[in-house]
Amino acid sequence: QVQLVESGGGLVQTGGSLRLSCAASGSIFSVRDMGWYRQAAGKQRELVARISSSDITTYADSVKGRFTISRASATNTVYLQMNSLKPEDTAVYYCNARAKYTYLPDYWGQGTQVTVSS
């Protein structure tokens, strides 16, 4: 079992920055890659960024150039650095970990609220 705990959300003004953290614990060896998703009010959950064990990254077009995903292996922590925040970035952000095998369920954090004031 893998547990994910997010932190770092909050309220910021347009153009501000936040860094989200996701601390993973448990059977980390069973994880293929990790990422961040977000869900705005009234909208579907969408992938924001993903990082593999070999540090290959993927970003949604809407955040390219502004957000950076990274990981710290020593602490089993994944980060999402968010710069130049916009009101449309307002959402609950969820940490995700995909299992190595597709028949096993993904792991999700509890979510952390990010609000960008206009």
PDB file of N, CA and C in Angstrom:
ATOM      1  N   GLN A   1       0.829  -1.180   0.000  1.00  0.00           N
ATOM      2  CA  GLN A   1       0.000   0.000   0.000  1.00  0.00           C
ATOM      3  C   GLN A   1       0.880   1.253   0.000  1.00  0.00           C
ATOM      4  N   VAL A   2       0.470   2.253  -0.784  1.00  0.00           N
ATOM      5  CA  VAL A   2       1.179   3.519  -0.874  1.00  0.00           C
ATOM      6  C   VAL A   2       0.262   4.628  -0.372  1.00  0.00           C
ATOM      7  N   GLN A   3       0.800   5.481   0.463  1.00  0.00           N
ATOM      8  CA  GLN A   3       0.053   6.627   0.951  1.00  0.00           C
ATOM      9  C   GLN A   3       0.699   7.908   0.442  1.00  0.00           C
ATOM     10  N   LEU A   4      -0.132   8.851   0.008  1.00  0.00           N
ATOM     11  CA  LEU A   4       0.337  10.114  -0.530  1.00  0.00           C
ATOM     12  C   LEU A   4      -0.276  11.257   0.271  1.00  0.00           C
ATOM     13  N   VAL A   5       0.562  12.177   0.710  1.00  0.00           N
ATOM     14  CA  VAL A   5       0.103  13.315   1.488  1.00  0.00           C
ATOM     15  C   VAL A   5       0.591  14.594   0.834  1.00  0.00           C
ATOM     16  N   GLU A   6      -0.358  15.434   0.390  1.00  0.00           N
ATOM     17  CA  GLU A   6      -0.018  16.704  -0.247  1.00  0.00           C
ATOM     18  C   GLU A   6       0.018  17.835   0.768  1.00  0.00           C
ATOM     19  N   SER A   7       0.793  18.858   0.436  1.00  0.00           N
ATOM     20  CA  SER A   7       0.844  20.064   1.234  1.00  0.00           C
ATOM     21  C   SER A   7       1.318  21.212   0.353  1.00  0.00           C
ATOM     22  N   GLY A   8       1.148  22.431   0.828  1.00  0.00           N
ATOM     23  CA  GLY A   8       1.660  23.595   0.127  1.00  0.00           C
ATOM     24  C   GLY A   8       0.625  24.450  -0.573  1.00  0.00           C
ATOM     25  N   GLY A   9      -0.628  24.020  -0.574  1.00  0.00           N
ATOM     26  CA  GLY A   9      -1.664  24.815  -1.203  1.00  0.00           C
ATOM     27  C   GLY A   9      -1.960  26.068  -0.397  1.00  0.00           C
ATOM     28  N   GLY A  10      -2.723  26.966  -1.005  1.00  0.00           N
ATOM     29  CA  GLY A  10      -3.068  28.188  -0.326  1.00  0.00           C
ATOM     30  C   GLY A  10      -3.683  29.200  -1.258  1.00  0.00           C
ATOM     31  N   LEU A  11      -3.788  30.424  -0.770  1.00  0.00           N
ATOM     32  CA  LEU A  11      -4.361  31.536  -1.517  1.00  0.00           C
ATOM     33  C   LEU A  11      -3.257  32.497  -1.930  1.00  0.00           C
ATOM     34  N   VAL A  12      -3.172  32.777  -3.227  1.00  0.00           N
ATOM     35  CA  VAL A  12      -2.170  33.704  -3.743  1.00  0.00           C
ATOM     36  C   VAL A  12      -2.808  34.631  -4.762  1.00  0.00           C
ATOM     37  N   GLN A  13      -2.137  35.737  -5.029  1.00  0.00           N
ATOM     38  CA  GLN A  13      -2.594  36.673  -6.043  1.00  0.00           C
ATOM     39  C   GLN A  13      -2.098  36.259  -7.421  1.00  0.00           C
ATOM     40  N   THR A  14      -2.757  36.761  -8.445  1.00  0.00           N
ATOM     41  CA  THR A  14      -2.327  36.506  -9.809  1.00  0.00           C
ATOM     42  C   THR A  14      -0.854  36.887  -9.975  1.00  0.00           C
ATOM     43  N   GLY A  15      -0.081  35.987 -10.588  1.00  0.00           N
ATOM     44  CA  GLY A  15       1.342  36.212 -10.780  1.00  0.00           C
ATOM     45  C   GLY A  15       2.212  35.657  -9.677  1.00  0.00           C
ATOM     46  N   GLY A  16       1.605  35.188  -8.616  1.00  0.00           N
ATOM     47  CA  GLY A  16       2.346  34.640  -7.496  1.00  0.00           C
ATOM     48  C   GLY A  16       2.809  33.221  -7.740  1.00  0.00           C
ATOM     49  N   SER A  17       3.463  32.652  -6.731  1.00  0.00           N
ATOM     50  CA  SER A  17       4.023  31.308  -6.831  1.00  0.00           C
ATOM     51  C   SER A  17       3.660  30.467  -5.620  1.00  0.00           C
ATOM     52  N   LEU A  18       3.582  29.172  -5.836  1.00  0.00           N
ATOM     53  CA  LEU A  18       3.385  28.194  -4.782  1.00  0.00           C
ATOM     54  C   LEU A  18       4.179  26.949  -5.134  1.00  0.00           C
ATOM     55  N   ARG A  19       4.599  26.217  -4.119  1.00  0.00           N
ATOM     56  CA  ARG A  19       5.232  24.926  -4.346  1.00  0.00           C
ATOM     57  C   ARG A  19       4.472  23.858  -3.574  1.00  0.00           C
ATOM     58  N   LEU A  20       3.920  22.913  -4.305  1.00  0.00           N
ATOM     59  CA  LEU A  20       3.208  21.804  -3.708  1.00  0.00           C
ATOM     60  C   LEU A  20       4.159  20.647  -3.457  1.00  0.00           C
ATOM     61  N   SER A  21       3.931  19.932  -2.371  1.00  0.00           N
ATOM     62  CA  SER A  21       4.744  18.776  -2.036  1.00  0.00           C
ATOM     63  C   SER A  21       3.850  17.556  -1.870  1.00  0.00           C
ATOM     64  N   CYS A  22       4.351  16.417  -2.278  1.00  0.00           N
ATOM     65  CA  CYS A  22       3.650  15.152  -2.121  1.00  0.00           C
ATOM     66  C   CYS A  22       4.618  14.147  -1.525  1.00  0.00           C
ATOM     67  N   ALA A  23       4.384  13.783  -0.288  1.00  0.00           N
ATOM     68  CA  ALA A  23       5.235  12.821   0.401  1.00  0.00           C
ATOM     69  C   ALA A  23       4.635  11.425   0.277  1.00  0.00           C
ATOM     70  N   ALA A  24       5.397  10.504  -0.255  1.00  0.00           N
ATOM     71  CA  ALA A  24       4.942   9.131  -0.456  1.00  0.00           C
ATOM     72  C   ALA A  24       5.543   8.208   0.594  1.00  0.00           C
ATOM     73  N   SER A  25       4.741   7.276   1.052  1.00  0.00           N
ATOM     74  CA  SER A  25       5.208   6.290   2.016  1.00  0.00           C
ATOM     75  C   SER A  25       4.557   4.950   1.714  1.00  0.00           C
ATOM     76  N   GLY A  26       5.151   3.885   2.221  1.00  0.00           N
ATOM     77  CA  GLY A  26       4.632   2.553   1.986  1.00  0.00           C
ATOM     78  C   GLY A  26       5.451   1.799   0.956  1.00  0.00           C
ATOM     79  N   SER A  27       4.766   1.045   0.108  1.00  0.00           N
ATOM     80  CA  SER A  27       5.421   0.202  -0.891  1.00  0.00           C
ATOM     81  C   SER A  27       5.787   1.006  -2.132  1.00  0.00           C
ATOM     82  N   ILE A  28       6.769   1.868  -1.994  1.00  0.00           N
ATOM     83  CA  ILE A  28       7.169   2.757  -3.080  1.00  0.00           C
ATOM     84  C   ILE A  28       7.682   1.983  -4.287  1.00  0.00           C
ATOM     85  N   PHE A  29       8.245   0.818  -4.075  1.00  0.00           N
ATOM     86  CA  PHE A  29       8.790   0.021  -5.171  1.00  0.00           C
ATOM     87  C   PHE A  29       7.723  -0.394  -6.173  1.00  0.00           C
ATOM     88  N   SER A  30       6.466  -0.342  -5.787  1.00  0.00           N
ATOM     89  CA  SER A  30       5.369  -0.743  -6.658  1.00  0.00           C
ATOM     90  C   SER A  30       4.880   0.381  -7.562  1.00  0.00           C
ATOM     91  N   VAL A  31       5.480   1.572  -7.469  1.00  0.00           N
ATOM     92  CA  VAL A  31       5.047   2.748  -8.226  1.00  0.00           C
ATOM     93  C   VAL A  31       5.834   2.883  -9.524  1.00  0.00           C
ATOM     94  N   ARG A  32       5.118   3.099 -10.629  1.00  0.00           N
ATOM     95  CA  ARG A  32       5.743   3.292 -11.935  1.00  0.00           C
ATOM     96  C   ARG A  32       6.166   4.742 -12.149  1.00  0.00           C
ATOM     97  N   ASP A  33       5.237   5.665 -11.897  1.00  0.00           N
ATOM     98  CA  ASP A  33       5.526   7.083 -12.007  1.00  0.00           C
ATOM     99  C   ASP A  33       4.547   7.851 -11.131  1.00  0.00           C
ATOM    100  N   MET A  34       4.768   9.142 -11.021  1.00  0.00           N
ATOM    101  CA  MET A  34       3.911   9.979 -10.196  1.00  0.00           C
ATOM    102  C   MET A  34       3.568  11.263 -10.932  1.00  0.00           C
ATOM    103  N   GLY A  35       2.477  11.878 -10.524  1.00  0.00           N
ATOM    104  CA  GLY A  35       2.062  13.103 -11.181  1.00  0.00           C
ATOM    105  C   GLY A  35       1.111  13.921 -10.340  1.00  0.00           C
ATOM    106  N   TRP A  36       0.765  15.067 -10.899  1.00  0.00           N
ATOM    107  CA  TRP A  36      -0.187  15.966 -10.271  1.00  0.00           C
ATOM    108  C   TRP A  36      -1.383  16.155 -11.186  1.00  0.00           C
ATOM    109  N   TYR A  37      -2.560  16.048 -10.626  1.00  0.00           N
ATOM    110  CA  TYR A  37      -3.810  16.332 -11.310  1.00  0.00           C
ATOM    111  C   TYR A  37      -4.499  17.483 -10.596  1.00  0.00           C
ATOM    112  N   ARG A  38      -5.432  18.107 -11.284  1.00  0.00           N
ATOM    113  CA  ARG A  38      -6.217  19.150 -10.637  1.00  0.00           C
ATOM    114  C   ARG A  38      -7.657  19.069 -11.101  1.00  0.00           C
ATOM    115  N   GLN A  39      -8.545  19.518 -10.242  1.00  0.00           N
ATOM    116  CA  GLN A  39      -9.964  19.530 -10.558  1.00  0.00           C
ATOM    117  C   GLN A  39     -10.561  20.845 -10.093  1.00  0.00           C
ATOM    118  N   ALA A  40     -10.965  21.649 -11.050  1.00  0.00           N
ATOM    119  CA  ALA A  40     -11.623  22.911 -10.750  1.00  0.00           C
ATOM    120  C   ALA A  40     -13.107  22.662 -10.521  1.00  0.00           C
ATOM    121  N   ALA A  41     -13.753  23.581  -9.845  1.00  0.00           N
ATOM    122  CA  ALA A  41     -15.175  23.445  -9.555  1.00  0.00           C
ATOM    123  C   ALA A  41     -15.973  23.296 -10.838  1.00  0.00           C
ATOM    124  N   GLY A  42     -16.786  22.257 -10.903  1.00  0.00           N
ATOM    125  CA  GLY A  42     -17.627  22.029 -12.058  1.00  0.00           C
ATOM    126  C   GLY A  42     -16.930  21.453 -13.271  1.00  0.00           C
ATOM    127  N   LYS A  43     -15.669  21.074 -13.142  1.00  0.00           N
ATOM    128  CA  LYS A  43     -14.912  20.538 -14.266  1.00  0.00           C
ATOM    129  C   LYS A  43     -14.351  19.156 -13.940  1.00  0.00           C
ATOM    130  N   GLN A  44     -13.928  18.451 -14.984  1.00  0.00           N
ATOM    131  CA  GLN A  44     -13.329  17.137 -14.808  1.00  0.00           C
ATOM    132  C   GLN A  44     -11.890  17.252 -14.328  1.00  0.00           C
ATOM    133  N   ARG A  45     -11.427  16.212 -13.662  1.00  0.00           N
ATOM    134  CA  ARG A  45     -10.047  16.172 -13.218  1.00  0.00           C
ATOM    135  C   ARG A  45      -9.128  16.036 -14.432  1.00  0.00           C
ATOM    136  N   GLU A  46      -8.044  16.798 -14.448  1.00  0.00           N
ATOM    137  CA  GLU A  46      -7.124  16.783 -15.571  1.00  0.00           C
ATOM    138  C   GLU A  46      -5.687  16.616 -15.108  1.00  0.00           C
ATOM    139  N   LEU A  47      -4.888  16.007 -15.960  1.00  0.00           N
ATOM    140  CA  LEU A  47      -3.470  15.839 -15.673  1.00  0.00           C
ATOM    141  C   LEU A  47      -2.760  17.173 -15.822  1.00  0.00           C
ATOM    142  N   VAL A  48      -1.964  17.527 -14.826  1.00  0.00           N
ATOM    143  CA  VAL A  48      -1.174  18.750 -14.859  1.00  0.00           C
ATOM    144  C   VAL A  48       0.261  18.445 -15.260  1.00  0.00           C
ATOM    145  N   ALA A  49       0.872  17.484 -14.587  1.00  0.00           N
ATOM    146  CA  ALA A  49       2.255  17.119 -14.857  1.00  0.00           C
ATOM    147  C   ALA A  49       2.526  15.716 -14.349  1.00  0.00           C
ATOM    148  N   ARG A  50       3.492  15.056 -14.964  1.00  0.00           N
ATOM    149  CA  ARG A  50       3.857  13.701 -14.569  1.00  0.00           C
ATOM    150  C   ARG A  50       5.366  13.544 -14.684  1.00  0.00           C
ATOM    151  N   ILE A  51       5.941  12.736 -13.804  1.00  0.00           N
ATOM    152  CA  ILE A  51       7.374  12.483 -13.839  1.00  0.00           C
ATOM    153  C   ILE A  51       7.631  10.997 -13.617  1.00  0.00           C
ATOM    154  N   SER A  52       8.522  10.431 -14.420  1.00  0.00           N
ATOM    155  CA  SER A  52       8.860   9.025 -14.319  1.00  0.00           C
ATOM    156  C   SER A  52      10.058   8.832 -13.401  1.00  0.00           C
ATOM    157  N   SER A  53      10.377   7.579 -13.134  1.00  0.00           N
ATOM    158  CA  SER A  53      11.526   7.266 -12.294  1.00  0.00           C
ATOM    159  C   SER A  53      12.838   7.687 -12.939  1.00  0.00           C
ATOM    160  N   SER A  54      12.838   7.863 -14.258  1.00  0.00           N
ATOM    161  CA  SER A  54      14.014   8.330 -14.970  1.00  0.00           C
ATOM    162  C   SER A  54      13.963   9.832 -15.248  1.00  0.00           C
ATOM    163  N   ASP A  55      13.043  10.530 -14.586  1.00  0.00           N
ATOM    164  CA  ASP A  55      12.901  11.988 -14.651  1.00  0.00           C
ATOM    165  C   ASP A  55      12.400  12.513 -15.987  1.00  0.00           C
ATOM    166  N   ILE A  56      11.706  11.688 -16.737  1.00  0.00           N
ATOM    167  CA  ILE A  56      11.027  12.159 -17.936  1.00  0.00           C
ATOM    168  C   ILE A  56       9.738  12.847 -17.495  1.00  0.00           C
ATOM    169  N   THR A  57       9.522  14.054 -17.970  1.00  0.00           N
ATOM    170  CA  THR A  57       8.379  14.847 -17.532  1.00  0.00           C
ATOM    171  C   THR A  57       7.389  15.100 -18.654  1.00  0.00           C
ATOM    172  N   THR A  58       6.143  15.268 -18.267  1.00  0.00           N
ATOM    173  CA  THR A  58       5.058  15.593 -19.183  1.00  0.00           C
ATOM    174  C   THR A  58       4.216  16.685 -18.555  1.00  0.00           C
ATOM    175  N   TYR A  59       3.808  17.674 -19.357  1.00  0.00           N
ATOM    176  CA  TYR A  59       3.021  18.784 -18.851  1.00  0.00           C
ATOM    177  C   TYR A  59       1.799  19.032 -19.716  1.00  0.00           C
ATOM    178  N   ALA A  60       0.747  19.494 -19.077  1.00  0.00           N
ATOM    179  CA  ALA A  60      -0.397  19.983 -19.827  1.00  0.00           C
ATOM    180  C   ALA A  60       0.006  21.269 -20.540  1.00  0.00           C
ATOM    181  N   ASP A  61      -0.555  21.491 -21.728  1.00  0.00           N
ATOM    182  CA  ASP A  61      -0.209  22.685 -22.489  1.00  0.00           C
ATOM    183  C   ASP A  61      -0.481  23.968 -21.710  1.00  0.00           C
ATOM    184  N   SER A  62      -1.494  23.948 -20.876  1.00  0.00           N
ATOM    185  CA  SER A  62      -1.894  25.137 -20.148  1.00  0.00           C
ATOM    186  C   SER A  62      -0.897  25.574 -19.079  1.00  0.00           C
ATOM    187  N   VAL A  63       0.022  24.682 -18.691  1.00  0.00           N
ATOM    188  CA  VAL A  63       0.966  25.016 -17.626  1.00  0.00           C
ATOM    189  C   VAL A  63       2.415  25.002 -18.086  1.00  0.00           C
ATOM    190  N   LYS A  64       2.679  24.629 -19.332  1.00  0.00           N
ATOM    191  CA  LYS A  64       4.046  24.590 -19.835  1.00  0.00           C
ATOM    192  C   LYS A  64       4.705  25.959 -19.722  1.00  0.00           C
ATOM    193  N   GLY A  65       5.930  25.955 -19.223  1.00  0.00           N
ATOM    194  CA  GLY A  65       6.666  27.195 -19.051  1.00  0.00           C
ATOM    195  C   GLY A  65       6.406  27.877 -17.734  1.00  0.00           C
ATOM    196  N   ARG A  66       5.382  27.441 -17.002  1.00  0.00           N
ATOM    197  CA  ARG A  66       5.048  28.055 -15.718  1.00  0.00           C
ATOM    198  C   ARG A  66       5.207  27.087 -14.546  1.00  0.00           C
ATOM    199  N   PHE A  67       4.888  25.817 -14.771  1.00  0.00           N
ATOM    200  CA  PHE A  67       4.966  24.806 -13.723  1.00  0.00           C
ATOM    201  C   PHE A  67       6.147  23.879 -13.973  1.00  0.00           C
ATOM    202  N   THR A  68       6.736  23.375 -12.902  1.00  0.00           N
ATOM    203  CA  THR A  68       7.829  22.422 -12.993  1.00  0.00           C
ATOM    204  C   THR A  68       7.620  21.309 -11.977  1.00  0.00           C
ATOM    205  N   ILE A  69       7.631  20.072 -12.449  1.00  0.00           N
ATOM    206  CA  ILE A  69       7.523  18.928 -11.556  1.00  0.00           C
ATOM    207  C   ILE A  69       8.919  18.361 -11.321  1.00  0.00           C
ATOM    208  N   SER A  70       9.183  17.943 -10.102  1.00  0.00           N
ATOM    209  CA  SER A  70      10.472  17.371  -9.760  1.00  0.00           C
ATOM    210  C   SER A  70      10.283  16.353  -8.648  1.00  0.00           C
ATOM    211  N   ARG A  71      11.323  15.600  -8.372  1.00  0.00           N
ATOM    212  CA  ARG A  71      11.245  14.617  -7.308  1.00  0.00           C
ATOM    213  C   ARG A  71      12.545  14.564  -6.526  1.00  0.00           C
ATOM    214  N   ALA A  72      12.441  14.164  -5.274  1.00  0.00           N
ATOM    215  CA  ALA A  72      13.589  13.979  -4.401  1.00  0.00           C
ATOM    216  C   ALA A  72      13.548  12.536  -3.915  1.00  0.00           C
ATOM    217  N   SER A  73      14.375  11.696  -4.507  1.00  0.00           N
ATOM    218  CA  SER A  73      14.357  10.271  -4.200  1.00  0.00           C
ATOM    219  C   SER A  73      14.662   9.980  -2.734  1.00  0.00           C
ATOM    220  N   ALA A  74      15.562  10.758  -2.151  1.00  0.00           N
ATOM    221  CA  ALA A  74      15.977  10.511  -0.777  1.00  0.00           C
ATOM    222  C   ALA A  74      14.825  10.630   0.213  1.00  0.00           C
ATOM    223  N   THR A  75      13.851  11.446  -0.099  1.00  0.00           N
ATOM    224  CA  THR A  75      12.715  11.654   0.799  1.00  0.00           C
ATOM    225  C   THR A  75      11.397  11.164   0.215  1.00  0.00           C
ATOM    226  N   ASN A  76      11.447  10.508  -0.947  1.00  0.00           N
ATOM    227  CA  ASN A  76      10.245  10.013  -1.622  1.00  0.00           C
ATOM    228  C   ASN A  76       9.188  11.100  -1.756  1.00  0.00           C
ATOM    229  N   THR A  77       9.634  12.249  -2.202  1.00  0.00           N
ATOM    230  CA  THR A  77       8.761  13.407  -2.313  1.00  0.00           C
ATOM    231  C   THR A  77       8.753  13.949  -3.733  1.00  0.00           C
ATOM    232  N   VAL A  78       7.571  14.283  -4.231  1.00  0.00           N
ATOM    233  CA  VAL A  78       7.402  14.902  -5.538  1.00  0.00           C
ATOM    234  C   VAL A  78       6.910  16.328  -5.329  1.00  0.00           C
ATOM    235  N   TYR A  79       7.461  17.252  -6.095  1.00  0.00           N
ATOM    236  CA  TYR A  79       7.119  18.656  -5.960  1.00  0.00           C
ATOM    237  C   TYR A  79       6.488  19.185  -7.240  1.00  0.00           C
ATOM    238  N   LEU A  80       5.684  20.211  -7.091  1.00  0.00           N
ATOM    239  CA  LEU A  80       5.155  20.949  -8.227  1.00  0.00           C
ATOM    240  C   LEU A  80       5.369  22.429  -7.947  1.00  0.00           C
ATOM    241  N   GLN A  81       6.352  23.010  -8.624  1.00  0.00           N
ATOM    242  CA  GLN A  81       6.615  24.433  -8.505  1.00  0.00           C
ATOM    243  C   GLN A  81       5.718  25.168  -9.480  1.00  0.00           C
ATOM    244  N   MET A  82       4.894  26.063  -8.979  1.00  0.00           N
ATOM    245  CA  MET A  82       3.929  26.781  -9.791  1.00  0.00           C
ATOM    246  C   MET A  82       4.257  28.264  -9.762  1.00  0.00           C
ATOM    247  N   ASN A  83       4.614  28.802 -10.912  1.00  0.00           N
ATOM    248  CA  ASN A  83       4.942  30.216 -11.043  1.00  0.00           C
ATOM    249  C   ASN A  83       3.945  30.905 -11.968  1.00  0.00           C
ATOM    250  N   SER A  84       3.920  32.216 -11.905  1.00  0.00           N
ATOM    251  CA  SER A  84       3.033  33.019 -12.754  1.00  0.00           C
ATOM    252  C   SER A  84       1.601  32.500 -12.711  1.00  0.00           C
ATOM    253  N   LEU A  85       1.118  32.277 -11.520  1.00  0.00           N
ATOM    254  CA  LEU A  85      -0.204  31.686 -11.349  1.00  0.00           C
ATOM    255  C   LEU A  85      -1.310  32.594 -11.881  1.00  0.00           C
ATOM    256  N   LYS A  86      -2.316  31.955 -12.446  1.00  0.00           N
ATOM    257  CA  LYS A  86      -3.463  32.636 -13.018  1.00  0.00           C
ATOM    258  C   LYS A  86      -4.732  32.183 -12.317  1.00  0.00           C
ATOM    259  N   PRO A  87      -5.792  32.982 -12.357  1.00  0.00           N
ATOM    260  CA  PRO A  87      -7.052  32.557 -11.737  1.00  0.00           C
ATOM    261  C   PRO A  87      -7.544  31.207 -12.250  1.00  0.00           C
ATOM    262  N   GLU A  88      -7.299  30.897 -13.514  1.00  0.00           N
ATOM    263  CA  GLU A  88      -7.728  29.627 -14.072  1.00  0.00           C
ATOM    264  C   GLU A  88      -6.960  28.430 -13.525  1.00  0.00           C
ATOM    265  N   ASP A  89      -5.909  28.680 -12.748  1.00  0.00           N
ATOM    266  CA  ASP A  89      -5.190  27.606 -12.073  1.00  0.00           C
ATOM    267  C   ASP A  89      -5.881  27.186 -10.780  1.00  0.00           C
ATOM    268  N   THR A  90      -6.879  27.923 -10.361  1.00  0.00           N
ATOM    269  CA  THR A  90      -7.606  27.612  -9.137  1.00  0.00           C
ATOM    270  C   THR A  90      -8.261  26.244  -9.238  1.00  0.00           C
ATOM    271  N   ALA A  91      -7.947  25.372  -8.297  1.00  0.00           N
ATOM    272  CA  ALA A  91      -8.457  24.005  -8.313  1.00  0.00           C
ATOM    273  C   ALA A  91      -7.956  23.270  -7.079  1.00  0.00           C
ATOM    274  N   VAL A  92      -8.498  22.081  -6.870  1.00  0.00           N
ATOM    275  CA  VAL A  92      -7.927  21.167  -5.899  1.00  0.00           C
ATOM    276  C   VAL A  92      -6.882  20.340  -6.636  1.00  0.00           C
ATOM    277  N   TYR A  93      -5.681  20.317  -6.123  1.00  0.00           N
ATOM    278  CA  TYR A  93      -4.589  19.592  -6.749  1.00  0.00           C
ATOM    279  C   TYR A  93      -4.362  18.273  -6.023  1.00  0.00           C
ATOM    280  N   TYR A  94      -4.285  17.190  -6.801  1.00  0.00           N
ATOM    281  CA  TYR A  94      -4.140  15.851  -6.251  1.00  0.00           C
ATOM    282  C   TYR A  94      -2.841  15.206  -6.714  1.00  0.00           C
ATOM    283  N   CYS A  95      -2.138  14.605  -5.797  1.00  0.00           N
ATOM    284  CA  CYS A  95      -0.968  13.810  -6.128  1.00  0.00           C
ATOM    285  C   CYS A  95      -1.416  12.416  -6.539  1.00  0.00           C
ATOM    286  N   ASN A  96      -0.780  11.873  -7.563  1.00  0.00           N
ATOM    287  CA  ASN A  96      -1.148  10.565  -8.094  1.00  0.00           C
ATOM    288  C   ASN A  96       0.087   9.699  -8.270  1.00  0.00           C
ATOM    289  N   ALA A  97      -0.061   8.421  -7.991  1.00  0.00           N
ATOM    290  CA  ALA A  97       0.995   7.450  -8.227  1.00  0.00           C
ATOM    291  C   ALA A  97       0.404   6.267  -8.970  1.00  0.00           C
ATOM    292  N   ARG A  98       0.978   5.949 -10.141  1.00  0.00           N
ATOM    293  CA  ARG A  98       0.497   4.821 -10.924  1.00  0.00           C
ATOM    294  C   ARG A  98       1.263   3.557 -10.560  1.00  0.00           C
ATOM    295  N   ALA A  99       0.537   2.466 -10.384  1.00  0.00           N
ATOM    296  CA  ALA A  99       1.152   1.184 -10.090  1.00  0.00           C
ATOM    297  C   ALA A  99       1.892   0.658 -11.306  1.00  0.00           C
ATOM    298  N   LYS A 100       2.889  -0.176 -11.070  1.00  0.00           N
ATOM    299  CA  LYS A 100       3.654  -0.757 -12.168  1.00  0.00           C
ATOM    300  C   LYS A 100       2.803  -1.662 -13.047  1.00  0.00           C
ATOM    301  N   TYR A 101       1.779  -2.238 -12.486  1.00  0.00           N
ATOM    302  CA  TYR A 101       0.919  -3.156 -13.212  1.00  0.00           C
ATOM    303  C   TYR A 101      -0.482  -2.571 -13.324  1.00  0.00           C
ATOM    304  N   THR A 102      -1.025  -2.635 -14.554  1.00  0.00           N
ATOM    305  CA  THR A 102      -2.293  -1.970 -14.832  1.00  0.00           C
ATOM    306  C   THR A 102      -3.479  -2.550 -14.071  1.00  0.00           C
ATOM    307  N   TYR A 103      -3.366  -3.775 -13.611  1.00  0.00           N
ATOM    308  CA  TYR A 103      -4.478  -4.384 -12.883  1.00  0.00           C
ATOM    309  C   TYR A 103      -4.520  -3.951 -11.419  1.00  0.00           C
ATOM    310  N   LEU A 104      -3.538  -3.179 -11.000  1.00  0.00           N
ATOM    311  CA  LEU A 104      -3.519  -2.648  -9.648  1.00  0.00           C
ATOM    312  C   LEU A 104      -4.023  -1.210  -9.661  1.00  0.00           C
ATOM    313  N   PRO A 105      -4.727  -0.797  -8.622  1.00  0.00           N
ATOM    314  CA  PRO A 105      -5.285   0.563  -8.605  1.00  0.00           C
ATOM    315  C   PRO A 105      -4.222   1.634  -8.405  1.00  0.00           C
ATOM    316  N   ASP A 106      -4.510   2.816  -8.936  1.00  0.00           N
ATOM    317  CA  ASP A 106      -3.656   3.972  -8.704  1.00  0.00           C
ATOM    318  C   ASP A 106      -3.823   4.454  -7.264  1.00  0.00           C
ATOM    319  N   TYR A 107      -2.854   5.232  -6.811  1.00  0.00           N
ATOM    320  CA  TYR A 107      -2.926   5.833  -5.497  1.00  0.00           C
ATOM    321  C   TYR A 107      -3.152   7.333  -5.625  1.00  0.00           C
ATOM    322  N   TRP A 108      -3.936   7.879  -4.717  1.00  0.00           N
ATOM    323  CA  TRP A 108      -4.272   9.293  -4.748  1.00  0.00           C
ATOM    324  C   TRP A 108      -4.093   9.927  -3.380  1.00  0.00           C
ATOM    325  N   GLY A 109      -3.628  11.170  -3.371  1.00  0.00           N
ATOM    326  CA  GLY A 109      -3.572  11.933  -2.146  1.00  0.00           C
ATOM    327  C   GLY A 109      -4.930  12.524  -1.824  1.00  0.00           C
ATOM    328  N   GLN A 110      -5.016  13.217  -0.707  1.00  0.00           N
ATOM    329  CA  GLN A 110      -6.286  13.775  -0.266  1.00  0.00           C
ATOM    330  C   GLN A 110      -6.647  15.075  -0.977  1.00  0.00           C
ATOM    331  N   GLY A 111      -5.684  15.693  -1.631  1.00  0.00           N
ATOM    332  CA  GLY A 111      -5.902  16.936  -2.342  1.00  0.00           C
ATOM    333  C   GLY A 111      -5.540  18.154  -1.515  1.00  0.00           C
ATOM    334  N   THR A 112      -5.074  19.192  -2.192  1.00  0.00           N
ATOM    335  CA  THR A 112      -4.767  20.453  -1.537  1.00  0.00           C
ATOM    336  C   THR A 112      -5.305  21.593  -2.397  1.00  0.00           C
ATOM    337  N   GLN A 113      -5.974  22.533  -1.764  1.00  0.00           N
ATOM    338  CA  GLN A 113      -6.634  23.619  -2.483  1.00  0.00           C
ATOM    339  C   GLN A 113      -5.650  24.711  -2.878  1.00  0.00           C
ATOM    340  N   VAL A 114      -5.700  25.105  -4.141  1.00  0.00           N
ATOM    341  CA  VAL A 114      -4.946  26.246  -4.645  1.00  0.00           C
ATOM    342  C   VAL A 114      -5.943  27.262  -5.171  1.00  0.00           C
ATOM    343  N   THR A 115      -5.895  28.459  -4.635  1.00  0.00           N
ATOM    344  CA  THR A 115      -6.793  29.520  -5.063  1.00  0.00           C
ATOM    345  C   THR A 115      -5.981  30.731  -5.492  1.00  0.00           C
ATOM    346  N   VAL A 116      -6.221  31.198  -6.708  1.00  0.00           N
ATOM    347  CA  VAL A 116      -5.513  32.354  -7.251  1.00  0.00           C
ATOM    348  C   VAL A 116      -6.527  33.471  -7.439  1.00  0.00           C
ATOM    349  N   SER A 117      -6.355  34.545  -6.715  1.00  0.00           N
ATOM    350  CA  SER A 117      -7.293  35.659  -6.771  1.00  0.00           C
ATOM    351  C   SER A 117      -7.035  36.517  -7.998  1.00  0.00           C
ATOM    352  N   SER A 118      -8.100  37.042  -8.576  1.00  0.00           N
ATOM    353  CA  SER A 118      -8.005  37.880  -9.758  1.00  0.00           C
ATOM    354  C   SER A 118      -7.963  39.349  -9.395  1.00  0.00           C
TER     355      SER A 118
END
